[in-house]
C-alpha atoms as a PDB file:
ATOM      1  CA  MET A   1       9.459  -8.915  13.674  1.00  0.00           C
ATOM      2  CA  THR A   2       7.988 -10.302  16.849  1.00  0.00           C
ATOM      3  CA  ALA A   3       4.532 -10.281  18.366  1.00  0.00           C
ATOM      4  CA  ALA A   4       5.712  -7.545  20.744  1.00  0.00           C
ATOM      5  CA  ASP A   5       6.635  -5.333  17.764  1.00  0.00           C
ATOM      6  CA  ILE A   6       3.166  -5.754  16.284  1.00  0.00           C
ATOM      7  CA  ALA A   7       1.506  -5.186  19.657  1.00  0.00           C
ATOM      8  CA  ARG A   8       3.079  -1.716  19.832  1.00  0.00           C
ATOM      9  CA  LEU A   9       1.425  -0.864  16.509  1.00  0.00           C
ATOM     10  CA  ASP A  10      -2.014  -1.944  17.647  1.00  0.00           C
ATOM     11  CA  VAL A  11      -4.065   1.056  18.796  1.00  0.00           C
ATOM     12  CA  PRO A  12      -7.716   1.350  19.712  1.00  0.00           C
ATOM     13  CA  LEU A  13      -9.914   2.478  16.831  1.00  0.00           C
ATOM     14  CA  SER A  14     -11.064   5.545  18.780  1.00  0.00           C
ATOM     15  CA  ASP A  15      -7.419   6.688  19.125  1.00  0.00           C
ATOM     16  CA  LEU A  16      -6.813   6.179  15.416  1.00  0.00           C
ATOM     17  CA  LEU A  17      -9.934   8.128  14.441  1.00  0.00           C
ATOM     18  CA  ALA A  18      -9.002  10.952  16.805  1.00  0.00           C
ATOM     19  CA  ALA A  19      -5.553  11.163  15.201  1.00  0.00           C
ATOM     20  CA  LEU A  20      -7.060  11.291  11.696  1.00  0.00           C
ATOM     21  CA  ARG A  21      -9.828  13.772  12.519  1.00  0.00           C
ATOM     22  CA  SER A  22      -7.845  16.978  11.926  1.00  0.00           C
ATOM     23  CA  GLY A  23      -6.609  15.753   8.544  1.00  0.00           C
ATOM     24  CA  CYS A  24     -10.128  14.760   7.524  1.00  0.00           C
ATOM     25  CA  LEU A  25     -11.486  18.151   8.542  1.00  0.00           C
ATOM     26  CA  ALA A  26      -8.742  19.934   6.595  1.00  0.00           C
ATOM     27  CA  GLU A  27      -9.481  17.893   3.461  1.00  0.00           C
ATOM     28  CA  GLN A  28     -13.197  18.522   3.847  1.00  0.00           C
ATOM     29  CA  ALA A  29     -12.586  22.266   4.105  1.00  0.00           C
ATOM     30  CA  HIS A  30     -10.367  22.133   1.033  1.00  0.00           C
ATOM     31  CA  GLN A  31     -13.063  20.370  -0.993  1.00  0.00           C
ATOM     32  CA  MET A  32     -15.584  23.026  -0.032  1.00  0.00           C
ATOM     33  CA  ASP A  33     -13.226  25.936  -0.838  1.00  0.00           C
ATOM     34  CA  PRO A  34     -15.109  28.290  -3.187  1.00  0.00           C
ATOM     35  CA  PHE A  35     -11.831  29.437  -4.780  1.00  0.00           C
ATOM     36  CA  ASP A  36     -10.599  25.929  -5.606  1.00  0.00           C
ATOM     37  CA  ALA A  37     -12.317  25.808  -9.011  1.00  0.00           C
ATOM     38  CA  ALA A  38     -11.021  29.283  -9.884  1.00  0.00           C
ATOM     39  CA  PHE A  39      -7.484  28.206  -8.986  1.00  0.00           C
ATOM     40  CA  ALA A  40      -7.819  25.082 -11.136  1.00  0.00           C
ATOM     41  CA  ARG A  41      -8.893  27.216 -14.124  1.00  0.00           C
ATOM     42  CA  LEU A  42      -5.809  29.448 -13.924  1.00  0.00           C
ATOM     43  CA  ALA A  43      -3.657  27.129 -16.019  1.00  0.00           C
ATOM     44  CA  CYS A  44      -6.343  26.862 -18.690  1.00  0.00           C
ATOM     45  CA  GLU A  45      -7.047  30.576 -18.861  1.00  0.00           C
ATOM     46  CA  HIS A  46      -3.398  31.670 -18.621  1.00  0.00           C
ATOM     47  CA  GLY A  47      -1.483  29.037 -20.552  1.00  0.00           C
ATOM     48  CA  ASP A  48       1.029  31.686 -21.570  1.00  0.00           C
ATOM     49  CA  ARG A  49       2.156  31.884 -17.929  1.00  0.00           C
ATOM     50  CA  CYS A  50       2.635  28.142 -17.468  1.00  0.00           C
ATOM     51  CA  SER A  51       6.059  26.575 -17.815  1.00  0.00           C
ATOM     52  CA  THR A  52       6.740  24.158 -20.664  1.00  0.00           C
ATOM     53  CA  PRO A  53       9.620  21.786 -21.409  1.00  0.00           C
ATOM     54  CA  ASP A  54      11.260  24.691 -23.251  1.00  0.00           C
ATOM     55  CA  THR A  55      11.260  26.765 -20.054  1.00  0.00           C
ATOM     56  CA  TYR A  56      13.586  24.320 -18.261  1.00  0.00           C
ATOM     57  CA  PRO A  57      15.477  22.473 -21.016  1.00  0.00           C
ATOM     58  CA  THR A  58      17.985  20.763 -18.669  1.00  0.00           C
ATOM     59  CA  TRP A  59      15.401  19.496 -16.184  1.00  0.00           C
ATOM     60  CA  THR A  60      14.376  15.831 -16.296  1.00  0.00           C
ATOM     61  CA  PRO A  61      11.142  14.841 -14.485  1.00  0.00           C
ATOM     62  CA  ARG A  62      11.553  12.575 -11.443  1.00  0.00           C
ATOM     63  CA  ARG A  63      15.298  13.123 -11.432  1.00  0.00           C
ATOM     64  CA  ALA A  64      17.466  15.178  -9.105  1.00  0.00           C
ATOM     65  CA  SER A  65      18.980  18.250 -10.747  1.00  0.00           C
END
């Protein structure tokens, strides 16, 4: 890697913040979503509808099927 390679990666902070702004706004909206807590409770309230290791006996986590 040369200095020229690194120079191409260097961007003004204002450009970086502008590029990140839409992602930050989306995350902020997600955190304020009034239905988020209800969605999180679904697995607790409806455990009978959640998959278990018995549902997919040949599947190994973190491994291609």
